[in-house]
Amino acid sequence: MQVILDQDRCCSSGQCVLTAPEVFGQSDEDGLVTLRQARPEPSLYPDVRLAAVLCPGGAITVEEATGTP
């Protein structure tokens, strides 16, 4: 999994930080989402997916890995 952020779409609601704090942070300056881990460990995948769904601005994109390494 790879997480991609579009800070231009972020509305600073903080839902992602509440849902997956290991992966997302929030800037103290402007409240925009920050990324702590672009490639989180598998145990965090459900929370990251939920954060993407809950994001009111649609600022989070989750790219799922395809195939086997």
PDB file of N, CA and C in Angstrom:
ATOM      1  N   MET A   1       0.845  -1.183   0.000  1.00  0.00           N
ATOM      2  CA  MET A   1       0.000   0.000   0.000  1.00  0.00           C
ATOM      3  C   MET A   1       0.884   1.237   0.000  1.00  0.00           C
ATOM      4  N   GLN A   2       0.453   2.215  -0.781  1.00  0.00           N
ATOM      5  CA  GLN A   2       1.091   3.522  -0.751  1.00  0.00           C
ATOM      6  C   GLN A   2       0.014   4.577  -0.526  1.00  0.00           C
ATOM      7  N   VAL A   3       0.319   5.543   0.347  1.00  0.00           N
ATOM      8  CA  VAL A   3      -0.613   6.619   0.669  1.00  0.00           C
ATOM      9  C   VAL A   3      -0.128   7.889  -0.021  1.00  0.00           C
ATOM     10  N   ILE A   4      -1.059   8.565  -0.691  1.00  0.00           N
ATOM     11  CA  ILE A   4      -0.741   9.804  -1.401  1.00  0.00           C
ATOM     12  C   ILE A   4      -1.682  10.890  -0.885  1.00  0.00           C
ATOM     13  N   LEU A   5      -1.110  12.057  -0.598  1.00  0.00           N
ATOM     14  CA  LEU A   5      -1.900  13.179  -0.097  1.00  0.00           C
ATOM     15  C   LEU A   5      -1.967  14.300  -1.125  1.00  0.00           C
ATOM     16  N   ASP A   6      -3.101  14.949  -1.178  1.00  0.00           N
ATOM     17  CA  ASP A   6      -3.274  16.162  -1.970  1.00  0.00           C
ATOM     18  C   ASP A   6      -3.625  17.268  -0.975  1.00  0.00           C
ATOM     19  N   GLN A   7      -2.609  17.983  -0.511  1.00  0.00           N
ATOM     20  CA  GLN A   7      -2.838  19.002   0.505  1.00  0.00           C
ATOM     21  C   GLN A   7      -3.722  20.140   0.012  1.00  0.00           C
ATOM     22  N   ASP A   8      -3.811  20.329  -1.299  1.00  0.00           N
ATOM     23  CA  ASP A   8      -4.701  21.356  -1.836  1.00  0.00           C
ATOM     24  C   ASP A   8      -6.167  21.031  -1.570  1.00  0.00           C
ATOM     25  N   ARG A   9      -6.473  19.743  -1.381  1.00  0.00           N
ATOM     26  CA  ARG A   9      -7.858  19.326  -1.123  1.00  0.00           C
ATOM     27  C   ARG A   9      -8.158  19.194   0.366  1.00  0.00           C
ATOM     28  N   CYS A  10      -7.136  19.249   1.197  1.00  0.00           N
ATOM     29  CA  CYS A  10      -7.300  19.078   2.637  1.00  0.00           C
ATOM     30  C   CYS A  10      -8.096  20.248   3.214  1.00  0.00           C
ATOM     31  N   CYS A  11      -9.107  19.929   4.042  1.00  0.00           N
ATOM     32  CA  CYS A  11      -9.903  20.976   4.687  1.00  0.00           C
ATOM     33  C   CYS A  11      -9.645  21.009   6.192  1.00  0.00           C
ATOM     34  N   SER A  12      -8.599  20.338   6.630  1.00  0.00           N
ATOM     35  CA  SER A  12      -8.129  20.376   8.024  1.00  0.00           C
ATOM     36  C   SER A  12      -9.140  19.850   9.038  1.00  0.00           C
ATOM     37  N   SER A  13      -9.933  18.853   8.652  1.00  0.00           N
ATOM     38  CA  SER A  13     -10.920  18.317   9.595  1.00  0.00           C
ATOM     39  C   SER A  13     -10.275  17.437  10.667  1.00  0.00           C
ATOM     40  N   GLY A  14      -9.122  16.843  10.352  1.00  0.00           N
ATOM     41  CA  GLY A  14      -8.414  16.013  11.318  1.00  0.00           C
ATOM     42  C   GLY A  14      -8.939  14.601  11.457  1.00  0.00           C
ATOM     43  N   GLN A  15      -9.905  14.211  10.638  1.00  0.00           N
ATOM     44  CA  GLN A  15     -10.454  12.853  10.721  1.00  0.00           C
ATOM     45  C   GLN A  15      -9.376  11.796  10.490  1.00  0.00           C
ATOM     46  N   CYS A  16      -8.452  12.071   9.578  1.00  0.00           N
ATOM     47  CA  CYS A  16      -7.395  11.104   9.283  1.00  0.00           C
ATOM     48  C   CYS A  16      -6.479  10.903  10.486  1.00  0.00           C
ATOM     49  N   VAL A  17      -6.168  11.994  11.179  1.00  0.00           N
ATOM     50  CA  VAL A  17      -5.298  11.920  12.345  1.00  0.00           C
ATOM     51  C   VAL A  17      -5.976  11.134  13.469  1.00  0.00           C
ATOM     52  N   LEU A  18      -7.258  11.333  13.643  1.00  0.00           N
ATOM     53  CA  LEU A  18      -7.994  10.595  14.666  1.00  0.00           C
ATOM     54  C   LEU A  18      -8.106   9.112  14.321  1.00  0.00           C
ATOM     55  N   THR A  19      -8.203   8.802  13.037  1.00  0.00           N
ATOM     56  CA  THR A  19      -8.407   7.430  12.587  1.00  0.00           C
ATOM     57  C   THR A  19      -7.110   6.634  12.492  1.00  0.00           C
ATOM     58  N   ALA A  20      -6.047   7.265  12.009  1.00  0.00           N
ATOM     59  CA  ALA A  20      -4.769   6.570  11.810  1.00  0.00           C
ATOM     60  C   ALA A  20      -3.606   7.485  12.198  1.00  0.00           C
ATOM     61  N   PRO A  21      -3.439   7.751  13.498  1.00  0.00           N
ATOM     62  CA  PRO A  21      -2.403   8.690  13.937  1.00  0.00           C
ATOM     63  C   PRO A  21      -0.980   8.230  13.662  1.00  0.00           C
ATOM     64  N   GLU A  22      -0.794   6.935  13.451  1.00  0.00           N
ATOM     65  CA  GLU A  22       0.534   6.433  13.125  1.00  0.00           C
ATOM     66  C   GLU A  22       0.944   6.833  11.703  1.00  0.00           C
ATOM     67  N   VAL A  23      -0.037   7.107  10.858  1.00  0.00           N
ATOM     68  CA  VAL A  23       0.210   7.386   9.440  1.00  0.00           C
ATOM     69  C   VAL A  23       0.048   8.870   9.116  1.00  0.00           C
ATOM     70  N   PHE A  24      -0.898   9.536   9.771  1.00  0.00           N
ATOM     71  CA  PHE A  24      -1.199  10.928   9.450  1.00  0.00           C
ATOM     72  C   PHE A  24      -0.922  11.847  10.632  1.00  0.00           C
ATOM     73  N   GLY A  25      -0.495  13.044  10.315  1.00  0.00           N
ATOM     74  CA  GLY A  25      -0.305  14.092  11.302  1.00  0.00           C
ATOM     75  C   GLY A  25      -1.006  15.339  10.806  1.00  0.00           C
ATOM     76  N   GLN A  26      -0.887  16.405  11.562  1.00  0.00           N
ATOM     77  CA  GLN A  26      -1.533  17.655  11.177  1.00  0.00           C
ATOM     78  C   GLN A  26      -0.580  18.795  11.499  1.00  0.00           C
ATOM     79  N   SER A  27      -0.359  19.663  10.531  1.00  0.00           N
ATOM     80  CA  SER A  27       0.552  20.791  10.680  1.00  0.00           C
ATOM     81  C   SER A  27       0.063  21.758  11.754  1.00  0.00           C
ATOM     82  N   ASP A  28       0.969  22.169  12.614  1.00  0.00           N
ATOM     83  CA  ASP A  28       0.623  23.155  13.646  1.00  0.00           C
ATOM     84  C   ASP A  28       0.364  24.531  13.033  1.00  0.00           C
ATOM     85  N   GLU A  29       0.988  24.809  11.903  1.00  0.00           N
ATOM     86  CA  GLU A  29       0.860  26.128  11.268  1.00  0.00           C
ATOM     87  C   GLU A  29      -0.509  26.353  10.637  1.00  0.00           C
ATOM     88  N   ASP A  30      -0.939  25.406   9.799  1.00  0.00           N
ATOM     89  CA  ASP A  30      -2.171  25.624   9.038  1.00  0.00           C
ATOM     90  C   ASP A  30      -3.202  24.513   9.196  1.00  0.00           C
ATOM     91  N   GLY A  31      -2.884  23.485   9.963  1.00  0.00           N
ATOM     92  CA  GLY A  31      -3.832  22.403  10.204  1.00  0.00           C
ATOM     93  C   GLY A  31      -3.942  21.388   9.083  1.00  0.00           C
ATOM     94  N   LEU A  32      -3.131  21.555   8.029  1.00  0.00           N
ATOM     95  CA  LEU A  32      -3.200  20.616   6.909  1.00  0.00           C
ATOM     96  C   LEU A  32      -2.598  19.269   7.284  1.00  0.00           C
ATOM     97  N   VAL A  33      -3.086  18.242   6.628  1.00  0.00           N
ATOM     98  CA  VAL A  33      -2.615  16.888   6.861  1.00  0.00           C
ATOM     99  C   VAL A  33      -1.137  16.765   6.473  1.00  0.00           C
ATOM    100  N   THR A  34      -0.424  15.968   7.263  1.00  0.00           N
ATOM    101  CA  THR A  34       0.949  15.599   6.942  1.00  0.00           C
ATOM    102  C   THR A  34       1.026  14.080   6.936  1.00  0.00           C
ATOM    103  N   LEU A  35       2.008  13.566   6.261  1.00  0.00           N
ATOM    104  CA  LEU A  35       2.148  12.117   6.126  1.00  0.00           C
ATOM    105  C   LEU A  35       3.332  11.644   6.946  1.00  0.00           C
ATOM    106  N   ARG A  36       3.079  10.762   7.886  1.00  0.00           N
ATOM    107  CA  ARG A  36       4.142  10.186   8.717  1.00  0.00           C
ATOM    108  C   ARG A  36       4.731   8.946   8.051  1.00  0.00           C
ATOM    109  N   GLN A  37       3.889   8.200   7.329  1.00  0.00           N
ATOM    110  CA  GLN A  37       4.328   6.972   6.668  1.00  0.00           C
ATOM    111  C   GLN A  37       3.637   6.867   5.319  1.00  0.00           C
ATOM    112  N   ALA A  38       4.394   6.905   4.247  1.00  0.00           N
ATOM    113  CA  ALA A  38       3.809   6.746   2.918  1.00  0.00           C
ATOM    114  C   ALA A  38       3.503   5.283   2.617  1.00  0.00           C
ATOM    115  N   ARG A  39       4.241   4.390   3.245  1.00  0.00           N
ATOM    116  CA  ARG A  39       4.038   2.951   3.059  1.00  0.00           C
ATOM    117  C   ARG A  39       3.877   2.290   4.430  1.00  0.00           C
ATOM    118  N   PRO A  40       2.669   2.369   4.970  1.00  0.00           N
ATOM    119  CA  PRO A  40       2.444   1.823   6.315  1.00  0.00           C
ATOM    120  C   PRO A  40       2.517   0.301   6.340  1.00  0.00           C
ATOM    121  N   GLU A  41       2.719  -0.217   7.532  1.00  0.00           N
ATOM    122  CA  GLU A  41       2.747  -1.675   7.698  1.00  0.00           C
ATOM    123  C   GLU A  41       1.329  -2.231   7.541  1.00  0.00           C
ATOM    124  N   PRO A  42       1.233  -3.488   7.135  1.00  0.00           N
ATOM    125  CA  PRO A  42      -0.085  -4.084   6.854  1.00  0.00           C
ATOM    126  C   PRO A  42      -1.097  -4.004   7.996  1.00  0.00           C
ATOM    127  N   SER A  43      -0.640  -4.018   9.228  1.00  0.00           N
ATOM    128  CA  SER A  43      -1.597  -3.950  10.343  1.00  0.00           C
ATOM    129  C   SER A  43      -2.356  -2.619  10.374  1.00  0.00           C
ATOM    130  N   LEU A  44      -1.826  -1.592   9.701  1.00  0.00           N
ATOM    131  CA  LEU A  44      -2.465  -0.279   9.667  1.00  0.00           C
ATOM    132  C   LEU A  44      -3.375  -0.080   8.457  1.00  0.00           C
ATOM    133  N   TYR A  45      -3.368  -1.009   7.521  1.00  0.00           N
ATOM    134  CA  TYR A  45      -4.145  -0.855   6.284  1.00  0.00           C
ATOM    135  C   TYR A  45      -5.625  -0.546   6.535  1.00  0.00           C
ATOM    136  N   PRO A  46      -6.308  -1.265   7.420  1.00  0.00           N
ATOM    137  CA  PRO A  46      -7.738  -0.967   7.624  1.00  0.00           C
ATOM    138  C   PRO A  46      -7.977   0.474   8.090  1.00  0.00           C
ATOM    139  N   ASP A  47      -7.143   0.964   8.993  1.00  0.00           N
ATOM    140  CA  ASP A  47      -7.305   2.333   9.487  1.00  0.00           C
ATOM    141  C   ASP A  47      -7.017   3.357   8.390  1.00  0.00           C
ATOM    142  N   VAL A  48      -6.021   3.084   7.560  1.00  0.00           N
ATOM    143  CA  VAL A  48      -5.683   4.002   6.464  1.00  0.00           C
ATOM    144  C   VAL A  48      -6.821   4.054   5.449  1.00  0.00           C
ATOM    145  N   ARG A  49      -7.371   2.900   5.120  1.00  0.00           N
ATOM    146  CA  ARG A  49      -8.507   2.872   4.188  1.00  0.00           C
ATOM    147  C   ARG A  49      -9.693   3.649   4.742  1.00  0.00           C
ATOM    148  N   LEU A  50      -9.972   3.470   6.028  1.00  0.00           N
ATOM    149  CA  LEU A  50     -11.075   4.185   6.662  1.00  0.00           C
ATOM    150  C   LEU A  50     -10.811   5.691   6.662  1.00  0.00           C
ATOM    151  N   ALA A  51      -9.593   6.094   6.942  1.00  0.00           N
ATOM    152  CA  ALA A  51      -9.245   7.519   6.930  1.00  0.00           C
ATOM    153  C   ALA A  51      -9.499   8.125   5.555  1.00  0.00           C
ATOM    154  N   ALA A  52      -9.166   7.387   4.509  1.00  0.00           N
ATOM    155  CA  ALA A  52      -9.391   7.882   3.143  1.00  0.00           C
ATOM    156  C   ALA A  52     -10.884   8.059   2.873  1.00  0.00           C
ATOM    157  N   VAL A  53     -11.688   7.131   3.341  1.00  0.00           N
ATOM    158  CA  VAL A  53     -13.139   7.209   3.144  1.00  0.00           C
ATOM    159  C   VAL A  53     -13.738   8.367   3.948  1.00  0.00           C
ATOM    160  N   LEU A  54     -13.244   8.580   5.147  1.00  0.00           N
ATOM    161  CA  LEU A  54     -13.787   9.615   6.026  1.00  0.00           C
ATOM    162  C   LEU A  54     -13.339  11.029   5.659  1.00  0.00           C
ATOM    163  N   CYS A  55     -12.292  11.159   4.871  1.00  0.00           N
ATOM    164  CA  CYS A  55     -11.751  12.480   4.538  1.00  0.00           C
ATOM    165  C   CYS A  55     -12.780  13.296   3.751  1.00  0.00           C
ATOM    166  N   PRO A  56     -13.300  14.390   4.325  1.00  0.00           N
ATOM    167  CA  PRO A  56     -14.331  15.166   3.635  1.00  0.00           C
ATOM    168  C   PRO A  56     -13.828  15.882   2.388  1.00  0.00           C
ATOM    169  N   GLY A  57     -12.531  16.134   2.310  1.00  0.00           N
ATOM    170  CA  GLY A  57     -11.979  16.818   1.141  1.00  0.00           C
ATOM    171  C   GLY A  57     -11.484  15.871   0.063  1.00  0.00           C
ATOM    172  N   GLY A  58     -11.471  14.571   0.348  1.00  0.00           N
ATOM    173  CA  GLY A  58     -10.953  13.609  -0.624  1.00  0.00           C
ATOM    174  C   GLY A  58      -9.461  13.786  -0.867  1.00  0.00           C
ATOM    175  N   ALA A  59      -8.740  14.190   0.168  1.00  0.00           N
ATOM    176  CA  ALA A  59      -7.320  14.490   0.027  1.00  0.00           C
ATOM    177  C   ALA A  59      -6.415  13.266   0.111  1.00  0.00           C
ATOM    178  N   ILE A  60      -6.966  12.126   0.495  1.00  0.00           N
ATOM    179  CA  ILE A  60      -6.165  10.913   0.692  1.00  0.00           C
ATOM    180  C   ILE A  60      -6.480   9.899  -0.388  1.00  0.00           C
ATOM    181  N   THR A  61      -5.435   9.449  -1.052  1.00  0.00           N
ATOM    182  CA  THR A  61      -5.560   8.377  -2.040  1.00  0.00           C
ATOM    183  C   THR A  61      -4.747   7.192  -1.548  1.00  0.00           C
ATOM    184  N   VAL A  62      -5.317   6.012  -1.629  1.00  0.00           N
ATOM    185  CA  VAL A  62      -4.643   4.788  -1.239  1.00  0.00           C
ATOM    186  C   VAL A  62      -4.431   3.953  -2.489  1.00  0.00           C
ATOM    187  N   GLU A  63      -3.174   3.657  -2.769  1.00  0.00           N
ATOM    188  CA  GLU A  63      -2.855   2.768  -3.899  1.00  0.00           C
ATOM    189  C   GLU A  63      -2.520   1.412  -3.311  1.00  0.00           C
ATOM    190  N   GLU A  64      -3.305   0.435  -3.694  1.00  0.00           N
ATOM    191  CA  GLU A  64      -3.086  -0.922  -3.215  1.00  0.00           C
ATOM    192  C   GLU A  64      -2.022  -1.599  -4.079  1.00  0.00           C
ATOM    193  N   ALA A  65      -1.200  -2.426  -3.452  1.00  0.00           N
ATOM    194  CA  ALA A  65      -0.188  -3.178  -4.186  1.00  0.00           C
ATOM    195  C   ALA A  65      -0.881  -4.239  -5.032  1.00  0.00           C
ATOM    196  N   THR A  66      -0.387  -4.446  -6.214  1.00  0.00           N
ATOM    197  CA  THR A  66      -0.941  -5.481  -7.101  1.00  0.00           C
ATOM    198  C   THR A  66       0.153  -6.501  -7.399  1.00  0.00           C
ATOM    199  N   GLY A  67      -0.247  -7.732  -7.511  1.00  0.00           N
ATOM    200  CA  GLY A  67       0.714  -8.785  -7.806  1.00  0.00           C
ATOM    201  C   GLY A  67       1.554  -9.136  -6.583  1.00  0.00           C
ATOM    202  N   THR A  68       2.514  -9.980  -6.798  1.00  0.00           N
ATOM    203  CA  THR A  68       3.405 -10.389  -5.708  1.00  0.00           C
ATOM    204  C   THR A  68       4.821  -9.931  -6.032  1.00  0.00           C
ATOM    205  N   PRO A  69       5.580  -9.590  -4.994  1.00  0.00           N
ATOM    206  CA  PRO A  69       6.936  -9.086  -5.231  1.00  0.00           C
ATOM    207  C   PRO A  69       7.867 -10.119  -5.782  1.00  0.00           C
TER     208      PRO A  69
END
